[in-house]
Amino acid sequence: MKFTPTALLFSLLSLAGCQTTSHPPIALVPKVDLPRFMGDWYVIANIPTFIEKGAHNAVESYKLDDDGTIDTTFTYRADGFDGPQKRYNPRGFVLDRTSNAVWGMRFIWPIKADYRIVWLTPDYSQTVIGREARDYVWIMARTPAIPDADYQRIIQFLKEQGYDVSRIQKVPQRWPTPAVGRQD
């Protein structure tokens, strides 16, 4: 079997999730309304995997399929706003049906990487996806930017969860402003 760099990355991510840590279990959102969670999420900041380094305009999109799995599309521009577009299509599997906050994210069969919803605002406008190993994290929002006070609250929360917040990097987001009142 031949492994691509992407397959190798996600194999390593999955194995890293098996490592023991000295941290208590990471906090989870008590309940996620899956239909409400679906849609587009702009990646505001992250501890990037090697494929995400240099990502611009990163967006993660979720669609709940009839079988209960989550069709996921992750897109970004590589190394600049005009860089080539990259696209990945992992499949999400809800592993904890009580909270809907613990998923397995499959990039290659049969491995499901650890994926946990650890922060979610009541209006579903901001979320944080973490991992038990505290090796990667994604701060996401429904808009390409969030207020600095919100960002600082999230960073403090992640520090309290045992993350090395010095590794978190903002993801550049620049989108065209829609024309207001424009009629075509």
N, C-alpha and C. Protein backbone atom coordinates (compact mmCIF):
# COMPACT_ATOMS: atom_id res chain seq x y z
N MET A 1 0.85 -1.18 0.00
CA MET A 1 0.00 0.00 0.00
C MET A 1 0.89 1.24 0.00
N LYS A 2 0.59 2.19 -0.88
CA LYS A 2 1.36 3.42 -0.97
C LYS A 2 0.68 4.51 -0.14
N PHE A 3 1.46 5.21 0.68
CA PHE A 3 0.91 6.28 1.50
C PHE A 3 1.28 7.62 0.88
N THR A 4 0.31 8.48 0.71
CA THR A 4 0.56 9.85 0.28
C THR A 4 0.96 10.66 1.51
N PRO A 5 1.54 11.84 1.34
CA PRO A 5 1.84 12.67 2.51
C PRO A 5 0.61 12.94 3.37
N THR A 6 -0.54 13.13 2.73
CA THR A 6 -1.77 13.39 3.49
C THR A 6 -2.16 12.17 4.31
N ALA A 7 -2.10 11.00 3.71
CA ALA A 7 -2.45 9.78 4.42
C ALA A 7 -1.50 9.56 5.59
N LEU A 8 -0.23 9.81 5.37
CA LEU A 8 0.76 9.65 6.43
C LEU A 8 0.47 10.61 7.57
N LEU A 9 0.16 11.87 7.24
CA LEU A 9 -0.14 12.87 8.27
C LEU A 9 -1.28 12.41 9.16
N PHE A 10 -2.36 12.00 8.56
CA PHE A 10 -3.52 11.66 9.36
C PHE A 10 -3.36 10.33 10.07
N SER A 11 -2.52 9.47 9.57
CA SER A 11 -2.16 8.26 10.31
C SER A 11 -1.41 8.64 11.57
N LEU A 12 -0.46 9.56 11.42
CA LEU A 12 0.31 10.02 12.58
C LEU A 12 -0.56 10.76 13.58
N LEU A 13 -1.49 11.57 13.08
CA LEU A 13 -2.43 12.28 13.98
C LEU A 13 -3.22 11.28 14.80
N SER A 14 -3.70 10.24 14.17
CA SER A 14 -4.49 9.25 14.88
C SER A 14 -3.65 8.53 15.93
N LEU A 15 -2.43 8.18 15.57
CA LEU A 15 -1.57 7.52 16.54
C LEU A 15 -1.21 8.45 17.68
N ALA A 16 -1.01 9.71 17.38
CA ALA A 16 -0.70 10.68 18.44
C ALA A 16 -1.84 10.77 19.44
N GLY A 17 -3.06 10.60 18.97
CA GLY A 17 -4.21 10.63 19.86
C GLY A 17 -4.24 9.45 20.82
N CYS A 18 -3.46 8.41 20.54
CA CYS A 18 -3.40 7.23 21.42
C CYS A 18 -2.40 7.41 22.55
N GLN A 19 -1.58 8.44 22.47
CA GLN A 19 -0.57 8.64 23.50
C GLN A 19 -1.24 9.04 24.80
N THR A 20 -0.61 8.64 25.90
CA THR A 20 -1.12 9.07 27.19
C THR A 20 -0.58 10.45 27.49
N THR A 21 -1.35 11.23 28.22
CA THR A 21 -0.92 12.57 28.60
C THR A 21 -1.02 12.69 30.11
N SER A 22 -0.36 13.71 30.64
CA SER A 22 -0.45 13.96 32.07
C SER A 22 -1.60 14.90 32.39
N HIS A 23 -2.37 15.26 31.38
CA HIS A 23 -3.49 16.18 31.57
C HIS A 23 -4.76 15.42 31.96
N PRO A 24 -5.63 16.08 32.73
CA PRO A 24 -6.96 15.49 32.93
C PRO A 24 -7.70 15.51 31.59
N PRO A 25 -8.81 14.79 31.47
CA PRO A 25 -9.55 14.81 30.20
C PRO A 25 -9.89 16.25 29.79
N ILE A 26 -9.82 16.50 28.50
CA ILE A 26 -10.13 17.83 27.99
C ILE A 26 -11.62 18.11 28.17
N ALA A 27 -11.97 19.36 28.40
CA ALA A 27 -13.37 19.76 28.54
C ALA A 27 -14.11 19.50 27.24
N LEU A 28 -15.36 19.16 27.35
CA LEU A 28 -16.22 18.98 26.18
C LEU A 28 -17.45 19.86 26.31
N VAL A 29 -18.00 20.25 25.18
CA VAL A 29 -19.28 20.93 25.18
C VAL A 29 -20.31 19.90 25.64
N PRO A 30 -21.20 20.27 26.57
CA PRO A 30 -22.15 19.27 27.10
C PRO A 30 -23.09 18.70 26.05
N LYS A 31 -23.51 19.52 25.08
CA LYS A 31 -24.46 19.04 24.05
C LYS A 31 -24.29 19.87 22.79
N VAL A 32 -24.19 19.20 21.65
CA VAL A 32 -24.10 19.86 20.36
C VAL A 32 -25.33 19.48 19.54
N ASP A 33 -26.06 20.49 19.09
CA ASP A 33 -27.18 20.29 18.18
C ASP A 33 -26.57 20.14 16.78
N LEU A 34 -26.44 18.90 16.32
CA LEU A 34 -25.72 18.65 15.07
C LEU A 34 -26.26 19.43 13.88
N PRO A 35 -27.57 19.45 13.62
CA PRO A 35 -28.03 20.23 12.46
C PRO A 35 -27.62 21.71 12.55
N ARG A 36 -27.66 22.26 13.74
CA ARG A 36 -27.29 23.67 13.93
C ARG A 36 -25.78 23.88 13.75
N PHE A 37 -24.97 22.87 14.07
CA PHE A 37 -23.52 22.96 13.95
C PHE A 37 -23.06 22.88 12.49
N MET A 38 -23.89 22.31 11.63
CA MET A 38 -23.51 22.14 10.24
C MET A 38 -23.36 23.48 9.53
N GLY A 39 -22.63 23.48 8.44
CA GLY A 39 -22.41 24.69 7.66
C GLY A 39 -20.94 25.06 7.63
N ASP A 40 -20.68 26.29 7.24
CA ASP A 40 -19.31 26.78 7.07
C ASP A 40 -18.75 27.38 8.35
N TRP A 41 -17.48 27.08 8.60
CA TRP A 41 -16.73 27.63 9.73
C TRP A 41 -15.39 28.14 9.21
N TYR A 42 -15.12 29.43 9.40
CA TYR A 42 -13.82 30.00 9.05
C TYR A 42 -12.81 29.63 10.13
N VAL A 43 -11.63 29.19 9.72
CA VAL A 43 -10.59 28.86 10.69
C VAL A 43 -9.89 30.17 11.05
N ILE A 44 -10.09 30.61 12.29
CA ILE A 44 -9.54 31.87 12.79
C ILE A 44 -8.08 31.68 13.22
N ALA A 45 -7.81 30.57 13.87
CA ALA A 45 -6.45 30.27 14.36
C ALA A 45 -6.36 28.77 14.59
N ASN A 46 -5.12 28.27 14.66
CA ASN A 46 -4.93 26.84 14.91
C ASN A 46 -3.50 26.56 15.35
N ILE A 47 -3.30 25.36 15.82
CA ILE A 47 -1.97 24.77 15.86
C ILE A 47 -1.99 23.90 14.60
N PRO A 48 -1.32 24.35 13.55
CA PRO A 48 -1.51 23.70 12.26
C PRO A 48 -0.81 22.35 12.12
N THR A 49 -1.48 21.48 11.37
CA THR A 49 -0.82 20.26 10.91
C THR A 49 0.13 20.69 9.79
N PHE A 50 1.00 19.81 9.34
CA PHE A 50 1.96 20.25 8.32
C PHE A 50 1.28 20.64 7.01
N ILE A 51 0.13 20.08 6.68
CA ILE A 51 -0.53 20.48 5.44
C ILE A 51 -1.19 21.85 5.56
N GLU A 52 -1.44 22.32 6.78
CA GLU A 52 -2.10 23.61 6.99
C GLU A 52 -1.13 24.78 7.12
N LYS A 53 0.15 24.50 7.23
CA LYS A 53 1.12 25.59 7.37
C LYS A 53 1.07 26.46 6.13
N GLY A 54 0.93 27.75 6.34
CA GLY A 54 0.83 28.69 5.22
C GLY A 54 -0.59 28.82 4.68
N ALA A 55 -1.57 28.23 5.32
CA ALA A 55 -2.95 28.29 4.84
C ALA A 55 -3.52 29.70 4.97
N HIS A 56 -4.25 30.11 3.97
CA HIS A 56 -4.98 31.38 3.95
C HIS A 56 -6.43 31.06 3.58
N ASN A 57 -7.37 31.85 4.12
CA ASN A 57 -8.79 31.66 3.82
C ASN A 57 -9.25 30.22 4.05
N ALA A 58 -8.83 29.65 5.16
CA ALA A 58 -9.21 28.27 5.49
C ALA A 58 -10.66 28.23 5.98
N VAL A 59 -11.41 27.28 5.43
CA VAL A 59 -12.81 27.10 5.79
C VAL A 59 -13.08 25.60 5.92
N GLU A 60 -13.76 25.24 7.01
CA GLU A 60 -14.20 23.86 7.23
C GLU A 60 -15.72 23.88 7.09
N SER A 61 -16.27 22.98 6.27
CA SER A 61 -17.71 22.92 6.03
C SER A 61 -18.22 21.53 6.38
N TYR A 62 -19.37 21.50 7.06
CA TYR A 62 -19.97 20.24 7.49
C TYR A 62 -21.37 20.10 6.93
N LYS A 63 -21.70 18.87 6.55
CA LYS A 63 -23.06 18.54 6.10
C LYS A 63 -23.42 17.19 6.72
N LEU A 64 -24.53 17.17 7.46
CA LEU A 64 -25.00 15.95 8.10
C LEU A 64 -25.70 15.08 7.05
N ASP A 65 -25.16 13.89 6.84
CA ASP A 65 -25.76 12.97 5.88
C ASP A 65 -26.85 12.14 6.55
N ASP A 66 -27.70 11.52 5.72
CA ASP A 66 -28.82 10.73 6.22
C ASP A 66 -28.39 9.59 7.13
N ASP A 67 -27.17 9.06 6.93
CA ASP A 67 -26.70 7.95 7.75
C ASP A 67 -26.08 8.40 9.07
N GLY A 68 -26.13 9.72 9.35
CA GLY A 68 -25.61 10.25 10.61
C GLY A 68 -24.14 10.62 10.56
N THR A 69 -23.46 10.35 9.44
CA THR A 69 -22.06 10.77 9.30
C THR A 69 -22.02 12.21 8.80
N ILE A 70 -20.85 12.80 8.90
CA ILE A 70 -20.71 14.21 8.54
C ILE A 70 -19.77 14.33 7.35
N ASP A 71 -20.34 14.77 6.24
CA ASP A 71 -19.57 15.05 5.03
C ASP A 71 -18.82 16.35 5.29
N THR A 72 -17.51 16.29 5.25
CA THR A 72 -16.67 17.43 5.61
C THR A 72 -15.84 17.87 4.42
N THR A 73 -15.75 19.17 4.23
CA THR A 73 -14.90 19.74 3.20
C THR A 73 -14.02 20.80 3.85
N PHE A 74 -12.72 20.64 3.71
CA PHE A 74 -11.75 21.61 4.24
C PHE A 74 -11.02 22.20 3.05
N THR A 75 -11.15 23.53 2.88
CA THR A 75 -10.48 24.21 1.77
C THR A 75 -9.66 25.37 2.30
N TYR A 76 -8.60 25.68 1.56
CA TYR A 76 -7.78 26.85 1.87
C TYR A 76 -6.91 27.17 0.66
N ARG A 77 -6.31 28.33 0.71
CA ARG A 77 -5.33 28.75 -0.29
C ARG A 77 -3.95 28.52 0.30
N ALA A 78 -3.06 27.88 -0.45
CA ALA A 78 -1.73 27.55 0.05
C ALA A 78 -0.78 28.73 -0.13
N ASP A 79 -0.14 29.13 0.96
CA ASP A 79 0.94 30.12 0.97
C ASP A 79 0.58 31.51 0.49
N GLY A 80 -0.69 31.85 0.48
CA GLY A 80 -1.08 33.21 0.11
C GLY A 80 -2.53 33.25 -0.35
N PHE A 81 -3.10 34.44 -0.38
CA PHE A 81 -4.49 34.58 -0.79
C PHE A 81 -4.70 34.20 -2.25
N ASP A 82 -3.64 34.29 -3.06
CA ASP A 82 -3.73 33.91 -4.47
C ASP A 82 -3.11 32.55 -4.74
N GLY A 83 -2.74 31.83 -3.69
CA GLY A 83 -2.11 30.52 -3.84
C GLY A 83 -3.09 29.48 -4.36
N PRO A 84 -2.57 28.33 -4.72
CA PRO A 84 -3.47 27.28 -5.21
C PRO A 84 -4.43 26.83 -4.12
N GLN A 85 -5.65 26.53 -4.54
CA GLN A 85 -6.64 26.06 -3.58
C GLN A 85 -6.40 24.59 -3.28
N LYS A 86 -6.43 24.26 -2.00
CA LYS A 86 -6.31 22.88 -1.53
C LYS A 86 -7.66 22.47 -0.98
N ARG A 87 -7.98 21.18 -1.13
CA ARG A 87 -9.29 20.69 -0.69
C ARG A 87 -9.13 19.27 -0.16
N TYR A 88 -9.70 19.03 1.01
CA TYR A 88 -9.70 17.71 1.63
C TYR A 88 -11.13 17.37 2.02
N ASN A 89 -11.48 16.10 1.93
CA ASN A 89 -12.84 15.66 2.21
C ASN A 89 -12.87 14.49 3.19
N PRO A 90 -12.54 14.77 4.47
CA PRO A 90 -12.67 13.69 5.45
C PRO A 90 -14.14 13.44 5.78
N ARG A 91 -14.40 12.34 6.45
CA ARG A 91 -15.76 12.03 6.91
C ARG A 91 -15.76 11.99 8.42
N GLY A 92 -16.73 12.67 9.02
CA GLY A 92 -16.86 12.70 10.46
C GLY A 92 -17.84 11.64 10.95
N PHE A 93 -17.51 11.06 12.10
CA PHE A 93 -18.35 10.05 12.73
C PHE A 93 -18.57 10.47 14.18
N VAL A 94 -19.81 10.67 14.57
CA VAL A 94 -20.10 11.04 15.95
C VAL A 94 -19.90 9.80 16.81
N LEU A 95 -18.97 9.89 17.76
CA LEU A 95 -18.64 8.74 18.61
C LEU A 95 -19.36 8.78 19.96
N ASP A 96 -19.79 9.97 20.37
CA ASP A 96 -20.52 10.11 21.64
C ASP A 96 -21.88 10.72 21.31
N ARG A 97 -22.90 9.88 21.21
CA ARG A 97 -24.24 10.34 20.83
C ARG A 97 -24.96 11.06 21.96
N THR A 98 -24.44 10.99 23.17
CA THR A 98 -25.05 11.72 24.28
C THR A 98 -24.79 13.21 24.14
N SER A 99 -23.54 13.57 23.87
CA SER A 99 -23.18 14.98 23.74
C SER A 99 -23.04 15.43 22.28
N ASN A 100 -22.77 14.52 21.38
CA ASN A 100 -22.42 14.82 19.98
C ASN A 100 -21.14 15.65 19.87
N ALA A 101 -20.34 15.67 20.93
CA ALA A 101 -19.14 16.51 20.96
C ALA A 101 -17.85 15.75 20.67
N VAL A 102 -17.92 14.43 20.59
CA VAL A 102 -16.72 13.64 20.30
C VAL A 102 -16.93 12.95 18.95
N TRP A 103 -16.03 13.26 18.04
CA TRP A 103 -16.11 12.70 16.70
C TRP A 103 -14.82 11.96 16.39
N GLY A 104 -14.91 11.09 15.42
CA GLY A 104 -13.74 10.54 14.76
C GLY A 104 -13.74 11.13 13.37
N MET A 105 -12.60 11.66 12.92
CA MET A 105 -12.53 12.26 11.59
C MET A 105 -11.65 11.35 10.73
N ARG A 106 -12.25 10.76 9.70
CA ARG A 106 -11.52 9.80 8.86
C ARG A 106 -11.05 10.46 7.57
N PHE A 107 -9.73 10.51 7.44
CA PHE A 107 -9.11 10.97 6.21
C PHE A 107 -8.74 9.78 5.34
N ILE A 108 -8.34 8.69 5.98
CA ILE A 108 -8.05 7.44 5.27
C ILE A 108 -8.66 6.30 6.08
N TRP A 109 -9.18 5.31 5.39
CA TRP A 109 -9.77 4.16 6.05
C TRP A 109 -8.66 3.29 6.61
N PRO A 110 -8.79 2.75 7.80
CA PRO A 110 -9.91 2.74 8.75
C PRO A 110 -9.69 3.71 9.91
N ILE A 111 -8.72 4.60 9.79
CA ILE A 111 -8.29 5.42 10.93
C ILE A 111 -9.21 6.62 11.10
N LYS A 112 -9.64 6.83 12.35
CA LYS A 112 -10.47 7.99 12.69
C LYS A 112 -9.70 8.83 13.70
N ALA A 113 -9.30 10.04 13.29
CA ALA A 113 -8.55 10.94 14.16
C ALA A 113 -9.46 11.54 15.23
N ASP A 114 -8.90 11.76 16.40
CA ASP A 114 -9.61 12.37 17.54
C ASP A 114 -10.01 13.80 17.20
N TYR A 115 -11.27 14.13 17.46
CA TYR A 115 -11.84 15.43 17.10
C TYR A 115 -12.89 15.74 18.15
N ARG A 116 -12.67 16.79 18.96
CA ARG A 116 -13.57 17.08 20.09
C ARG A 116 -14.01 18.53 20.07
N ILE A 117 -15.30 18.74 20.21
CA ILE A 117 -15.85 20.09 20.28
C ILE A 117 -15.74 20.52 21.74
N VAL A 118 -14.80 21.43 22.01
CA VAL A 118 -14.48 21.81 23.39
C VAL A 118 -15.00 23.20 23.76
N TRP A 119 -15.42 23.96 22.79
CA TRP A 119 -15.92 25.32 23.03
C TRP A 119 -16.99 25.58 21.98
N LEU A 120 -18.11 26.12 22.37
CA LEU A 120 -19.17 26.47 21.44
C LEU A 120 -20.02 27.55 22.07
N THR A 121 -20.13 28.68 21.40
CA THR A 121 -20.95 29.75 21.95
C THR A 121 -22.43 29.37 21.81
N PRO A 122 -23.28 29.90 22.70
CA PRO A 122 -24.71 29.54 22.66
C PRO A 122 -25.38 29.83 21.31
N ASP A 123 -24.89 30.85 20.60
CA ASP A 123 -25.49 31.17 19.30
C ASP A 123 -24.82 30.44 18.13
N TYR A 124 -23.92 29.51 18.45
CA TYR A 124 -23.22 28.71 17.43
C TYR A 124 -22.44 29.58 16.44
N SER A 125 -21.89 30.68 16.93
CA SER A 125 -21.10 31.56 16.06
C SER A 125 -19.60 31.33 16.18
N GLN A 126 -19.15 30.68 17.27
CA GLN A 126 -17.74 30.39 17.48
C GLN A 126 -17.60 29.01 18.08
N THR A 127 -16.56 28.31 17.67
CA THR A 127 -16.31 26.98 18.21
C THR A 127 -14.81 26.73 18.27
N VAL A 128 -14.43 25.75 19.08
CA VAL A 128 -13.05 25.30 19.14
C VAL A 128 -13.07 23.79 19.06
N ILE A 129 -12.26 23.26 18.17
CA ILE A 129 -12.08 21.82 18.03
C ILE A 129 -10.72 21.49 18.62
N GLY A 130 -10.71 20.59 19.58
CA GLY A 130 -9.47 20.19 20.23
C GLY A 130 -9.25 18.70 20.11
N ARG A 131 -8.15 18.28 20.69
CA ARG A 131 -7.80 16.86 20.73
C ARG A 131 -7.31 16.53 22.12
N GLU A 132 -7.60 15.32 22.56
CA GLU A 132 -7.19 14.90 23.90
C GLU A 132 -5.69 15.05 24.10
N ALA A 133 -4.90 14.84 23.05
CA ALA A 133 -3.44 14.93 23.14
C ALA A 133 -2.94 16.38 23.22
N ARG A 134 -3.82 17.35 22.98
CA ARG A 134 -3.46 18.77 23.00
C ARG A 134 -2.36 19.10 21.99
N ASP A 135 -2.31 18.36 20.89
CA ASP A 135 -1.30 18.59 19.88
C ASP A 135 -1.77 19.52 18.76
N TYR A 136 -3.06 19.53 18.47
CA TYR A 136 -3.62 20.39 17.44
C TYR A 136 -4.90 21.00 17.99
N VAL A 137 -5.25 22.17 17.44
CA VAL A 137 -6.49 22.84 17.84
C VAL A 137 -6.91 23.75 16.70
N TRP A 138 -8.23 23.96 16.59
CA TRP A 138 -8.77 24.84 15.57
C TRP A 138 -9.80 25.76 16.21
N ILE A 139 -9.57 27.05 16.14
CA ILE A 139 -10.53 28.07 16.59
C ILE A 139 -11.27 28.51 15.33
N MET A 140 -12.60 28.37 15.35
CA MET A 140 -13.37 28.65 14.14
C MET A 140 -14.58 29.52 14.47
N ALA A 141 -15.06 30.22 13.43
CA ALA A 141 -16.22 31.09 13.59
C ALA A 141 -17.03 31.10 12.29
N ARG A 142 -18.24 31.58 12.41
CA ARG A 142 -19.11 31.69 11.23
C ARG A 142 -18.72 32.88 10.36
N THR A 143 -17.88 33.75 10.90
CA THR A 143 -17.40 34.92 10.17
C THR A 143 -15.88 34.85 10.08
N PRO A 144 -15.27 35.55 9.13
CA PRO A 144 -13.81 35.47 8.96
C PRO A 144 -12.99 36.12 10.06
N ALA A 145 -13.64 36.81 10.98
CA ALA A 145 -12.92 37.45 12.10
C ALA A 145 -13.82 37.42 13.33
N ILE A 146 -13.17 37.46 14.50
CA ILE A 146 -13.92 37.56 15.76
C ILE A 146 -13.31 38.70 16.57
N PRO A 147 -14.09 39.26 17.50
CA PRO A 147 -13.54 40.32 18.35
C PRO A 147 -12.34 39.80 19.15
N ASP A 148 -11.34 40.68 19.35
CA ASP A 148 -10.13 40.29 20.07
C ASP A 148 -10.45 39.80 21.48
N ALA A 149 -11.44 40.38 22.14
CA ALA A 149 -11.80 39.94 23.49
C ALA A 149 -12.27 38.48 23.47
N ASP A 150 -13.03 38.09 22.45
CA ASP A 150 -13.47 36.70 22.32
C ASP A 150 -12.26 35.79 22.08
N TYR A 151 -11.37 36.22 21.21
CA TYR A 151 -10.17 35.43 20.92
C TYR A 151 -9.34 35.22 22.18
N GLN A 152 -9.16 36.27 22.97
CA GLN A 152 -8.37 36.16 24.20
C GLN A 152 -9.04 35.23 25.22
N ARG A 153 -10.38 35.25 25.29
CA ARG A 153 -11.10 34.32 26.19
C ARG A 153 -10.86 32.87 25.76
N ILE A 154 -10.89 32.64 24.47
CA ILE A 154 -10.65 31.29 23.96
C ILE A 154 -9.22 30.85 24.25
N ILE A 155 -8.27 31.74 24.03
CA ILE A 155 -6.86 31.41 24.30
C ILE A 155 -6.67 31.07 25.78
N GLN A 156 -7.29 31.84 26.65
CA GLN A 156 -7.20 31.56 28.09
C GLN A 156 -7.81 30.20 28.42
N PHE A 157 -8.96 29.91 27.83
CA PHE A 157 -9.60 28.61 28.03
C PHE A 157 -8.67 27.48 27.58
N LEU A 158 -8.04 27.63 26.42
CA LEU A 158 -7.16 26.58 25.91
C LEU A 158 -5.93 26.41 26.80
N LYS A 159 -5.43 27.51 27.33
CA LYS A 159 -4.30 27.43 28.28
C LYS A 159 -4.72 26.62 29.51
N GLU A 160 -5.92 26.89 30.02
CA GLU A 160 -6.43 26.16 31.18
C GLU A 160 -6.64 24.68 30.87
N GLN A 161 -6.86 24.35 29.60
CA GLN A 161 -7.05 22.96 29.19
C GLN A 161 -5.71 22.23 28.97
N GLY A 162 -4.61 22.95 29.12
CA GLY A 162 -3.30 22.30 28.98
C GLY A 162 -2.63 22.49 27.64
N TYR A 163 -3.17 23.34 26.80
CA TYR A 163 -2.53 23.62 25.51
C TYR A 163 -1.35 24.57 25.69
N ASP A 164 -0.33 24.38 24.87
CA ASP A 164 0.77 25.34 24.76
C ASP A 164 0.29 26.41 23.78
N VAL A 165 -0.28 27.48 24.32
CA VAL A 165 -0.91 28.49 23.47
C VAL A 165 0.10 29.28 22.64
N SER A 166 1.38 29.18 22.95
CA SER A 166 2.39 29.86 22.13
C SER A 166 2.47 29.23 20.73
N ARG A 167 1.93 28.04 20.56
CA ARG A 167 1.95 27.35 19.27
C ARG A 167 0.76 27.73 18.37
N ILE A 168 -0.22 28.42 18.94
CA ILE A 168 -1.42 28.79 18.18
C ILE A 168 -1.09 29.95 17.25
N GLN A 169 -1.48 29.80 15.99
CA GLN A 169 -1.22 30.81 14.97
C GLN A 169 -2.54 31.26 14.35
N LYS A 170 -2.65 32.56 14.12
CA LYS A 170 -3.83 33.06 13.42
C LYS A 170 -3.73 32.67 11.94
N VAL A 171 -4.87 32.36 11.36
CA VAL A 171 -4.95 32.00 9.95
C VAL A 171 -5.41 33.24 9.19
N PRO A 172 -4.63 33.72 8.23
CA PRO A 172 -5.06 34.91 7.48
C PRO A 172 -6.38 34.67 6.74
N GLN A 173 -7.29 35.59 6.92
CA GLN A 173 -8.60 35.55 6.26
C GLN A 173 -8.83 36.89 5.58
N ARG A 174 -9.07 36.86 4.29
CA ARG A 174 -9.41 38.09 3.54
C ARG A 174 -10.39 37.70 2.45
N TRP A 175 -11.58 38.22 2.57
CA TRP A 175 -12.65 37.88 1.65
C TRP A 175 -13.21 39.14 1.02
N PRO A 176 -13.69 39.05 -0.20
CA PRO A 176 -14.31 40.23 -0.82
C PRO A 176 -15.54 40.65 -0.03
N THR A 177 -15.74 41.94 0.09
CA THR A 177 -16.92 42.47 0.76
C THR A 177 -18.08 42.41 -0.23
N PRO A 178 -19.19 41.80 0.16
CA PRO A 178 -20.33 41.77 -0.78
C PRO A 178 -20.86 43.17 -1.00
N ALA A 179 -21.27 43.42 -2.22
CA ALA A 179 -21.83 44.74 -2.57
C ALA A 179 -23.21 44.87 -1.96
N VAL A 180 -23.40 45.93 -1.17
CA VAL A 180 -24.68 46.17 -0.52
C VAL A 180 -25.60 46.87 -1.50
N GLY A 181 -26.81 46.35 -1.62
CA GLY A 181 -27.79 46.99 -2.48
C GLY A 181 -27.53 46.79 -3.97
N ARG A 182 -26.59 45.95 -4.31
CA ARG A 182 -26.24 45.73 -5.71
C ARG A 182 -27.35 44.93 -6.38
N GLN A 183 -27.72 45.34 -7.56
CA GLN A 183 -28.73 44.63 -8.32
C GLN A 183 -28.15 44.26 -9.66
N ASP A 184 -28.17 42.98 -9.95
CA ASP A 184 -27.62 42.51 -11.24
C ASP A 184 -28.72 42.32 -12.26
